[in-house]
Amino acid sequence: MSIFKHAAEILEGRVNHFLNNAEDPGETLDLSYEKMIANLQDTKRHLADVVTERVSLENQMAQAQKAADKADAGARMALGANREDLARAELAQKQSELQKIASLQEAHDTVAAQAQKLTDYESKLQEHIEQFRVQKEVTKSEMAAARAEVEVSASLTGVGQGMDDAGEAMRHAQERTQQMESKAAAMDGLMESGALNDPLDGRSQAEKELDKMRATGGVEDELAQLKAEMAKGKGTPGSGAAGG
């Protein structure tokens, strides 16, 4: 392995490590959705607090109005009894309650406006969150499909991790096989020619050649004998009838 190839593999390993540990877009989308849900919950709590305050102001206004009506009735009763001093005191109490109602009404109008704004914001936020949720799931599905397609394509084309060396390994194995086959053929030729000796064979080169000639001559002699016997058998009269 060359130093440049080794350096490239180290760099590739570092890049893969970085990509594997990088932020997952799907997880980022889920985190954003969770933050939006948390924001919605905070809005609901604020809205609940404002509505509670509005209801409290309405109750105080109702109590003040009740006290004002009671003072008005008391003033009428006092005048009917010729108690102008009591009537004046009841009317003063009535005015105090009416002033309280006016202050409470002003605060109530402010709080009611805030409650309406929060209600509208909550409604829009819920709609936005729902749209985001749907788009999030669609995007995650598309990302998953794209990732699967990339991985399959990488595997088929040999671009994936570990696949880029497969072709080189196969070529190397084929080259080694061809070299070994060529070497084996060369060794056979050398042994056949006598250039290489079998360490277990103690015969000299001359003895080997003579043994080869004897073996070849023996085969030729036996072949000639078989031919003569077959020719003699075919020429014997009545051989076919005897066989019947």
Protein backbone atom coordinates (compact mmCIF):
# COMPACT_ATOMS: atom_id res chain seq x y z
CA MET A 1 0.00 0.00 0.00
CA SER A 2 1.46 3.38 -1.01
CA ILE A 3 1.82 6.21 1.48
CA PHE A 4 -0.66 8.29 -0.52
CA LYS A 5 -3.31 5.56 -0.43
CA HIS A 6 -2.78 5.12 3.30
CA ALA A 7 -3.17 8.86 3.86
CA ALA A 8 -6.33 8.88 1.75
CA GLU A 9 -7.82 6.05 3.80
CA ILE A 10 -7.05 7.90 7.04
CA LEU A 11 -8.71 11.05 5.68
CA GLU A 12 -11.74 9.04 4.51
CA GLY A 13 -12.05 7.46 7.96
CA ARG A 14 -12.01 10.86 9.62
CA VAL A 15 -14.61 12.24 7.23
CA ASN A 16 -16.90 9.24 7.81
CA HIS A 17 -16.46 9.63 11.56
CA PHE A 18 -17.44 13.30 11.30
CA LEU A 19 -20.47 12.55 9.13
CA ASN A 20 -21.63 9.74 11.40
CA ASN A 21 -21.42 12.02 14.42
CA ALA A 22 -22.86 15.09 12.71
CA GLU A 23 -26.23 16.47 13.64
CA ASP A 24 -29.07 14.40 12.22
CA PRO A 25 -31.51 16.65 10.30
CA GLY A 26 -34.40 14.43 11.41
CA GLU A 27 -33.47 14.85 15.06
CA THR A 28 -33.14 18.60 14.50
CA LEU A 29 -36.67 18.72 13.10
CA ASP A 30 -37.99 16.73 16.06
CA LEU A 31 -36.20 19.06 18.47
CA SER A 32 -37.68 22.11 16.74
CA TYR A 33 -41.14 20.56 16.98
CA GLU A 34 -40.66 19.88 20.69
CA LYS A 35 -39.60 23.49 21.24
CA MET A 36 -42.71 24.70 19.42
CA ILE A 37 -44.89 22.46 21.60
CA ALA A 38 -43.17 23.85 24.71
CA ASN A 39 -43.84 27.38 23.43
CA LEU A 40 -47.48 26.48 22.91
CA GLN A 41 -47.73 25.16 26.47
CA ASP A 42 -46.23 28.39 27.80
CA THR A 43 -48.76 30.37 25.78
CA LYS A 44 -51.59 28.30 27.23
CA ARG A 45 -50.33 28.93 30.75
CA HIS A 46 -50.07 32.67 30.12
CA LEU A 47 -53.53 32.67 28.61
CA ALA A 48 -54.90 30.79 31.61
CA ASP A 49 -53.34 33.35 33.96
CA VAL A 50 -54.79 36.27 31.99
CA VAL A 51 -58.24 34.68 31.79
CA THR A 52 -58.11 34.02 35.54
CA GLU A 53 -57.30 37.68 36.12
CA ARG A 54 -60.14 38.76 33.84
CA VAL A 55 -62.61 36.54 35.68
CA SER A 56 -61.36 37.91 39.01
CA LEU A 57 -61.93 41.48 37.81
CA GLU A 58 -65.41 40.57 36.60
CA ASN A 59 -66.24 39.09 40.00
CA GLN A 60 -64.98 42.24 41.76
CA MET A 61 -67.04 44.39 39.41
CA ALA A 62 -70.12 42.30 40.15
CA GLN A 63 -69.55 42.66 43.88
CA ALA A 64 -69.03 46.43 43.53
CA GLN A 65 -72.19 46.73 41.44
CA LYS A 66 -74.08 44.76 44.06
CA ALA A 67 -72.77 47.08 46.79
CA ALA A 68 -73.72 50.15 44.72
CA ASP A 69 -77.26 48.82 44.21
CA LYS A 70 -77.54 48.12 47.92
CA ALA A 71 -76.38 51.65 48.77
CA ASP A 72 -78.89 53.10 46.31
CA ALA A 73 -81.66 51.11 47.91
CA GLY A 74 -80.50 52.24 51.35
CA ALA A 75 -80.54 55.88 50.29
CA ARG A 76 -84.10 55.56 49.05
CA MET A 77 -85.16 53.92 52.26
CA ALA A 78 -83.48 56.63 54.34
CA LEU A 79 -85.20 59.39 52.41
CA GLY A 80 -88.49 57.63 52.89
CA ALA A 81 -87.84 57.70 56.62
CA ASN A 82 -86.86 61.38 56.48
CA ARG A 83 -83.24 60.47 57.24
CA GLU A 84 -81.44 62.63 54.76
CA ASP A 85 -78.14 62.16 56.57
CA LEU A 86 -78.34 58.39 56.11
CA ALA A 87 -79.43 58.86 52.51
CA ARG A 88 -76.40 61.08 51.89
CA ALA A 89 -74.08 58.47 53.41
CA GLU A 90 -75.55 55.67 51.31
CA LEU A 91 -75.23 57.76 48.16
CA ALA A 92 -71.59 58.46 49.01
CA GLN A 93 -71.03 54.72 49.37
CA LYS A 94 -72.75 54.20 46.03
CA GLN A 95 -70.44 56.70 44.32
CA SER A 96 -67.42 54.98 45.84
CA GLU A 97 -68.54 51.65 44.48
CA LEU A 98 -69.24 53.16 41.06
CA GLN A 99 -65.74 54.62 40.97
CA LYS A 100 -64.35 51.23 41.91
CA ILE A 101 -66.36 49.69 39.09
CA ALA A 102 -64.94 52.22 36.63
CA SER A 103 -61.36 51.41 37.67
CA LEU A 104 -62.06 47.69 37.54
CA GLN A 105 -63.69 48.06 34.13
CA GLU A 106 -60.61 49.84 32.76
CA ALA A 107 -58.34 47.08 34.05
CA HIS A 108 -60.79 44.49 32.79
CA ASP A 109 -60.77 45.95 29.28
CA THR A 110 -56.94 45.84 29.21
CA VAL A 111 -56.81 42.26 30.46
CA ALA A 112 -59.59 41.18 28.10
CA ALA A 113 -57.67 42.63 25.16
CA GLN A 114 -54.57 40.71 26.26
CA ALA A 115 -56.60 37.54 26.61
CA GLN A 116 -57.98 37.97 23.10
CA LYS A 117 -54.50 38.50 21.67
CA LEU A 118 -53.21 35.41 23.44
CA THR A 119 -56.21 33.42 22.23
CA ASP A 120 -55.57 34.48 18.63
CA TYR A 121 -51.85 33.76 19.02
CA GLU A 122 -52.55 30.34 20.49
CA SER A 123 -54.87 29.47 17.61
CA LYS A 124 -52.34 30.58 14.98
CA LEU A 125 -49.52 28.81 16.80
CA GLN A 126 -51.48 25.56 16.93
CA GLU A 127 -52.18 25.81 13.21
CA HIS A 128 -48.52 26.57 12.49
CA ILE A 129 -47.35 23.67 14.65
CA GLU A 130 -49.68 21.26 12.92
CA GLN A 131 -48.44 22.39 9.51
CA PHE A 132 -44.85 22.04 10.70
CA ARG A 133 -45.57 18.55 12.09
CA VAL A 134 -46.99 17.35 8.77
CA GLN A 135 -44.12 18.87 6.79
CA LYS A 136 -41.63 17.42 9.28
CA GLU A 137 -42.93 13.89 8.80
CA VAL A 138 -42.95 14.32 5.01
CA THR A 139 -39.38 15.65 5.05
CA LYS A 140 -38.16 12.84 7.31
CA SER A 141 -39.77 10.27 5.03
CA GLU A 142 -38.14 11.85 1.98
CA MET A 143 -34.76 11.94 3.74
CA ALA A 144 -35.08 8.29 4.74
CA ALA A 145 -35.94 7.30 1.18
CA ALA A 146 -33.09 9.37 -0.25
CA ARG A 147 -30.63 7.92 2.27
CA ALA A 148 -31.71 4.38 1.41
CA GLU A 149 -31.38 5.11 -2.30
CA VAL A 150 -27.88 6.53 -1.82
CA GLU A 151 -26.77 3.54 0.24
CA VAL A 152 -28.17 1.04 -2.27
CA SER A 153 -26.64 2.93 -5.20
CA ALA A 154 -23.31 3.12 -3.38
CA SER A 155 -23.37 -0.62 -2.78
CA LEU A 156 -24.21 -1.38 -6.41
CA THR A 157 -21.62 0.97 -7.87
CA GLY A 158 -18.88 0.15 -5.38
CA VAL A 159 -18.75 3.67 -3.94
CA GLY A 160 -19.80 2.62 -0.46
CA GLN A 161 -17.40 2.18 2.40
CA GLY A 162 -15.32 -0.97 1.96
CA MET A 163 -16.58 -1.47 -1.59
CA ASP A 164 -14.02 0.72 -3.33
CA ASP A 165 -11.24 -1.82 -2.58
CA ALA A 166 -13.26 -4.86 -3.68
CA GLY A 167 -12.43 -4.44 -7.36
CA GLU A 168 -8.75 -3.90 -6.63
CA ALA A 169 -8.66 -6.98 -4.40
CA MET A 170 -10.31 -9.06 -7.12
CA ARG A 171 -7.81 -7.84 -9.76
CA HIS A 172 -4.93 -8.56 -7.44
CA ALA A 173 -6.20 -12.10 -6.77
CA GLN A 174 -6.62 -12.74 -10.50
CA GLU A 175 -3.11 -11.48 -11.23
CA ARG A 176 -1.66 -13.71 -8.51
CA THR A 177 -3.58 -16.69 -9.89
CA GLN A 178 -2.23 -16.07 -13.38
CA GLN A 179 1.29 -15.74 -12.03
CA MET A 180 1.00 -19.00 -10.09
CA GLU A 181 -0.43 -20.82 -13.13
CA SER A 182 2.40 -19.51 -15.30
CA LYS A 183 4.96 -20.52 -12.71
CA ALA A 184 3.45 -24.01 -12.43
CA ALA A 185 3.54 -24.44 -16.22
CA ALA A 186 7.15 -23.26 -16.30
CA MET A 187 8.10 -25.68 -13.52
CA ASP A 188 6.44 -28.55 -15.39
CA GLY A 189 8.37 -27.64 -18.52
CA LEU A 190 11.67 -27.45 -16.66
CA MET A 191 11.10 -30.77 -14.97
CA GLU A 192 10.07 -32.32 -18.24
CA SER A 193 13.22 -31.05 -19.94
CA GLY A 194 15.38 -32.21 -17.07
CA ALA A 195 16.48 -28.71 -16.08
CA LEU A 196 15.02 -29.35 -12.63
CA ASN A 197 15.49 -32.61 -10.75
CA ASP A 198 13.12 -34.32 -8.39
CA PRO A 199 14.97 -34.42 -5.02
CA LEU A 200 13.44 -37.86 -4.34
CA ASP A 201 14.66 -39.27 -7.67
CA GLY A 202 18.32 -40.41 -7.37
CA ARG A 203 18.76 -41.32 -11.04
CA SER A 204 21.17 -39.44 -13.21
CA GLN A 205 20.01 -37.56 -16.26
CA ALA A 206 21.33 -40.30 -18.52
CA GLU A 207 19.51 -43.00 -16.55
CA LYS A 208 16.32 -41.03 -16.79
CA GLU A 209 16.60 -40.73 -20.54
CA LEU A 210 17.37 -44.44 -20.90
CA ASP A 211 14.41 -45.38 -18.70
CA LYS A 212 12.23 -43.16 -20.83
CA MET A 213 13.48 -44.81 -23.99
CA ARG A 214 12.88 -48.28 -22.51
CA ALA A 215 9.35 -47.32 -21.49
CA THR A 216 8.63 -45.91 -24.92
CA GLY A 217 10.18 -48.94 -26.67
CA GLY A 218 8.26 -51.34 -24.44
CA VAL A 219 5.01 -49.65 -25.34
CA GLU A 220 5.82 -49.81 -29.05
CA ASP A 221 6.81 -53.52 -28.83
CA GLU A 222 3.65 -54.42 -26.94
CA LEU A 223 1.53 -52.46 -29.39
CA ALA A 224 3.09 -54.29 -32.34
CA GLN A 225 2.50 -57.64 -30.63
CA LEU A 226 -1.17 -56.82 -30.03
CA LYS A 227 -1.59 -55.82 -33.67
CA ALA A 228 -0.01 -59.11 -34.83
CA GLU A 229 -2.25 -61.20 -32.56
CA MET A 230 -5.38 -59.40 -33.72
CA ALA A 231 -4.38 -59.83 -37.36
CA LYS A 232 -3.69 -63.54 -36.81
CA GLY A 233 -7.06 -63.97 -35.10
CA LYS A 234 -8.94 -62.40 -37.97
CA GLY A 235 -7.13 -64.65 -40.50
CA THR A 236 -7.97 -68.00 -38.80
CA PRO A 237 -10.69 -69.93 -40.83
CA GLY A 238 -13.88 -70.92 -39.01
CA SER A 239 -13.16 -68.73 -36.04
CA GLY A 240 -16.50 -67.04 -36.46
CA ALA A 241 -18.40 -70.37 -36.62
CA ALA A 242 -16.66 -71.75 -33.62
CA GLY A 243 -17.76 -68.80 -31.74
CA GLY A 244 -21.39 -69.53 -32.71
